[in-house]
Amino acid sequence: MMTITKEYGKEYVNLKHRINLLRIKPLYPRPLKMNETTVKYIEYVNLLAKELDILYSDERYFDEIEDKVRKLEEIFN
């Protein structure tokens, strides 16, 4: 049971890190202009982070969040 808890925690930390990287993507390597699209993107990523925290506190799976993060990463890479 302890192994499952550790893996769950590692998955949470990994997703949290990936979301934080997505938060700074509009700033590097060159800052994007702050327009409506950029603001909506930042709000969306912040909502993903909040949703991840809620799922973690409820000890639920992160599959949907991981899919959303993966799609955003594909757009920026």
N, C-alpha and C. Protein backbone atom coordinates (compact mmCIF):
# COMPACT_ATOMS: atom_id res chain seq x y z
N MET A 1 0.82 -1.20 0.00
CA MET A 1 0.00 0.00 0.00
C MET A 1 0.86 1.26 0.00
N MET A 2 2.00 1.21 0.69
CA MET A 2 2.88 2.36 0.75
C MET A 2 3.46 2.68 -0.62
N THR A 3 3.74 1.64 -1.42
CA THR A 3 4.29 1.83 -2.76
C THR A 3 3.29 2.57 -3.64
N ILE A 4 2.04 2.21 -3.56
CA ILE A 4 1.00 2.87 -4.35
C ILE A 4 0.92 4.34 -3.96
N THR A 5 0.98 4.63 -2.68
CA THR A 5 0.92 6.01 -2.20
C THR A 5 2.11 6.80 -2.70
N LYS A 6 3.31 6.21 -2.69
CA LYS A 6 4.50 6.89 -3.19
C LYS A 6 4.37 7.18 -4.68
N GLU A 7 3.91 6.20 -5.44
CA GLU A 7 3.75 6.38 -6.89
C GLU A 7 2.72 7.46 -7.18
N TYR A 8 1.64 7.48 -6.42
CA TYR A 8 0.59 8.49 -6.57
C TYR A 8 1.18 9.88 -6.31
N GLY A 9 1.97 9.99 -5.26
CA GLY A 9 2.62 11.25 -4.93
C GLY A 9 3.60 11.69 -6.00
N LYS A 10 4.36 10.75 -6.54
CA LYS A 10 5.31 11.06 -7.61
C LYS A 10 4.59 11.54 -8.86
N GLU A 11 3.48 10.89 -9.18
CA GLU A 11 2.70 11.29 -10.35
C GLU A 11 2.14 12.71 -10.17
N TYR A 12 1.68 13.00 -8.96
CA TYR A 12 1.18 14.35 -8.66
C TYR A 12 2.28 15.39 -8.83
N VAL A 13 3.45 15.13 -8.26
CA VAL A 13 4.57 16.08 -8.34
C VAL A 13 4.99 16.26 -9.80
N ASN A 14 5.03 15.18 -10.56
CA ASN A 14 5.41 15.25 -11.96
C ASN A 14 4.42 16.13 -12.74
N LEU A 15 3.13 15.90 -12.55
CA LEU A 15 2.13 16.70 -13.25
C LEU A 15 2.17 18.16 -12.82
N LYS A 16 2.37 18.39 -11.53
CA LYS A 16 2.45 19.76 -11.02
C LYS A 16 3.63 20.49 -11.67
N HIS A 17 4.76 19.80 -11.80
CA HIS A 17 5.94 20.38 -12.45
C HIS A 17 5.66 20.70 -13.92
N ARG A 18 5.03 19.77 -14.62
CA ARG A 18 4.72 19.98 -16.03
C ARG A 18 3.75 21.16 -16.22
N ILE A 19 2.79 21.29 -15.31
CA ILE A 19 1.85 22.42 -15.38
C ILE A 19 2.59 23.73 -15.12
N ASN A 20 3.51 23.73 -14.16
CA ASN A 20 4.29 24.94 -13.89
C ASN A 20 5.14 25.33 -15.09
N LEU A 21 5.67 24.35 -15.79
CA LEU A 21 6.43 24.65 -17.01
C LEU A 21 5.53 25.27 -18.08
N LEU A 22 4.30 24.78 -18.16
CA LEU A 22 3.35 25.34 -19.12
C LEU A 22 2.98 26.78 -18.76
N ARG A 23 2.99 27.09 -17.48
CA ARG A 23 2.68 28.46 -17.05
C ARG A 23 3.71 29.45 -17.57
N ILE A 24 4.97 29.04 -17.64
CA ILE A 24 6.01 29.99 -18.06
C ILE A 24 6.29 29.94 -19.56
N LYS A 25 5.68 29.01 -20.28
CA LYS A 25 5.91 28.91 -21.73
C LYS A 25 5.63 30.23 -22.46
N PRO A 26 4.58 30.98 -22.13
CA PRO A 26 4.36 32.24 -22.86
C PRO A 26 5.44 33.29 -22.60
N LEU A 27 6.27 33.09 -21.59
CA LEU A 27 7.29 34.08 -21.24
C LEU A 27 8.64 33.82 -21.88
N TYR A 28 8.93 32.56 -22.23
CA TYR A 28 10.24 32.20 -22.76
C TYR A 28 10.10 31.45 -24.06
N PRO A 29 10.98 31.55 -24.99
CA PRO A 29 12.24 32.30 -25.01
C PRO A 29 12.03 33.78 -25.25
N ARG A 30 10.91 34.14 -25.82
CA ARG A 30 10.60 35.57 -25.95
C ARG A 30 9.18 35.77 -25.44
N PRO A 31 8.96 36.78 -24.64
CA PRO A 31 7.62 36.99 -24.09
C PRO A 31 6.58 37.25 -25.17
N LEU A 32 5.44 36.63 -25.02
CA LEU A 32 4.32 36.90 -25.92
C LEU A 32 3.62 38.17 -25.47
N LYS A 33 2.97 38.80 -26.41
CA LYS A 33 2.19 39.97 -26.04
C LYS A 33 1.01 39.50 -25.19
N MET A 34 0.70 40.26 -24.17
CA MET A 34 -0.43 39.92 -23.32
C MET A 34 -1.71 40.34 -24.02
N ASN A 35 -2.30 39.40 -24.73
CA ASN A 35 -3.58 39.66 -25.36
C ASN A 35 -4.62 38.73 -24.75
N GLU A 36 -5.79 38.76 -25.27
CA GLU A 36 -6.88 37.97 -24.70
C GLU A 36 -6.59 36.47 -24.75
N THR A 37 -5.99 36.01 -25.82
CA THR A 37 -5.67 34.59 -25.96
C THR A 37 -4.65 34.15 -24.92
N THR A 38 -3.62 34.96 -24.72
CA THR A 38 -2.59 34.63 -23.73
C THR A 38 -3.18 34.58 -22.33
N VAL A 39 -4.04 35.53 -22.01
CA VAL A 39 -4.67 35.56 -20.69
C VAL A 39 -5.56 34.33 -20.50
N LYS A 40 -6.31 33.96 -21.53
CA LYS A 40 -7.16 32.76 -21.42
C LYS A 40 -6.33 31.50 -21.24
N TYR A 41 -5.19 31.43 -21.93
CA TYR A 41 -4.29 30.29 -21.79
C TYR A 41 -3.80 30.19 -20.34
N ILE A 42 -3.34 31.31 -19.80
CA ILE A 42 -2.83 31.32 -18.43
C ILE A 42 -3.93 30.93 -17.44
N GLU A 43 -5.13 31.44 -17.65
CA GLU A 43 -6.26 31.08 -16.78
C GLU A 43 -6.55 29.59 -16.88
N TYR A 44 -6.50 29.04 -18.09
CA TYR A 44 -6.76 27.63 -18.29
C TYR A 44 -5.73 26.77 -17.56
N VAL A 45 -4.47 27.14 -17.68
CA VAL A 45 -3.40 26.38 -17.01
C VAL A 45 -3.56 26.49 -15.50
N ASN A 46 -3.94 27.65 -15.00
CA ASN A 46 -4.18 27.80 -13.56
C ASN A 46 -5.34 26.93 -13.10
N LEU A 47 -6.39 26.82 -13.91
CA LEU A 47 -7.51 25.94 -13.58
C LEU A 47 -7.08 24.48 -13.56
N LEU A 48 -6.20 24.10 -14.48
CA LEU A 48 -5.67 22.73 -14.47
C LEU A 48 -4.92 22.45 -13.17
N ALA A 49 -4.14 23.42 -12.72
CA ALA A 49 -3.39 23.25 -11.47
C ALA A 49 -4.34 23.10 -10.28
N LYS A 50 -5.38 23.91 -10.25
CA LYS A 50 -6.36 23.81 -9.16
C LYS A 50 -7.09 22.48 -9.20
N GLU A 51 -7.48 22.06 -10.41
CA GLU A 51 -8.16 20.78 -10.55
C GLU A 51 -7.27 19.63 -10.10
N LEU A 52 -5.99 19.70 -10.45
CA LEU A 52 -5.03 18.68 -10.02
C LEU A 52 -4.95 18.63 -8.50
N ASP A 53 -4.88 19.78 -7.86
CA ASP A 53 -4.83 19.82 -6.39
C ASP A 53 -6.08 19.21 -5.76
N ILE A 54 -7.23 19.49 -6.35
CA ILE A 54 -8.49 18.93 -5.83
C ILE A 54 -8.50 17.42 -5.98
N LEU A 55 -8.10 16.94 -7.16
CA LEU A 55 -8.05 15.49 -7.38
C LEU A 55 -7.08 14.83 -6.42
N TYR A 56 -5.95 15.46 -6.19
CA TYR A 56 -4.95 14.90 -5.27
C TYR A 56 -5.49 14.84 -3.85
N SER A 57 -6.16 15.89 -3.41
CA SER A 57 -6.69 15.90 -2.04
C SER A 57 -7.81 14.88 -1.88
N ASP A 58 -8.54 14.59 -2.97
CA ASP A 58 -9.61 13.59 -2.92
C ASP A 58 -9.09 12.19 -3.24
N GLU A 59 -7.78 12.08 -3.53
CA GLU A 59 -7.13 10.82 -3.89
C GLU A 59 -7.79 10.15 -5.09
N ARG A 60 -8.06 10.98 -6.12
CA ARG A 60 -8.64 10.47 -7.36
C ARG A 60 -7.58 10.47 -8.46
N TYR A 61 -7.89 9.80 -9.55
CA TYR A 61 -6.93 9.67 -10.66
C TYR A 61 -6.79 10.96 -11.44
N PHE A 62 -5.61 11.12 -12.08
CA PHE A 62 -5.27 12.33 -12.83
C PHE A 62 -5.33 12.14 -14.34
N ASP A 63 -5.95 11.09 -14.82
CA ASP A 63 -5.88 10.75 -16.24
C ASP A 63 -6.33 11.89 -17.16
N GLU A 64 -7.45 12.52 -16.84
CA GLU A 64 -7.96 13.60 -17.70
C GLU A 64 -7.00 14.79 -17.71
N ILE A 65 -6.47 15.12 -16.54
CA ILE A 65 -5.54 16.25 -16.45
C ILE A 65 -4.27 15.93 -17.25
N GLU A 66 -3.80 14.71 -17.13
CA GLU A 66 -2.58 14.33 -17.85
C GLU A 66 -2.79 14.45 -19.35
N ASP A 67 -3.97 14.06 -19.85
CA ASP A 67 -4.26 14.19 -21.27
C ASP A 67 -4.26 15.65 -21.70
N LYS A 68 -4.85 16.51 -20.90
CA LYS A 68 -4.90 17.94 -21.22
C LYS A 68 -3.50 18.55 -21.21
N VAL A 69 -2.69 18.16 -20.24
CA VAL A 69 -1.32 18.66 -20.16
C VAL A 69 -0.52 18.19 -21.36
N ARG A 70 -0.68 16.95 -21.73
CA ARG A 70 0.04 16.39 -22.88
C ARG A 70 -0.32 17.15 -24.16
N LYS A 71 -1.60 17.47 -24.34
CA LYS A 71 -2.02 18.21 -25.53
C LYS A 71 -1.40 19.60 -25.56
N LEU A 72 -1.36 20.28 -24.42
CA LEU A 72 -0.74 21.60 -24.36
C LEU A 72 0.75 21.52 -24.65
N GLU A 73 1.40 20.49 -24.13
CA GLU A 73 2.83 20.32 -24.37
C GLU A 73 3.10 20.10 -25.85
N GLU A 74 2.23 19.35 -26.52
CA GLU A 74 2.41 19.12 -27.95
C GLU A 74 2.29 20.41 -28.73
N ILE A 75 1.41 21.29 -28.32
CA ILE A 75 1.24 22.56 -29.00
C ILE A 75 2.50 23.40 -28.91
N PHE A 76 3.14 23.43 -27.74
CA PHE A 76 4.29 24.28 -27.53
C PHE A 76 5.61 23.65 -27.93
N ASN A 77 5.62 22.37 -28.20
CA ASN A 77 6.89 21.72 -28.59
C ASN A 77 6.96 21.45 -30.05
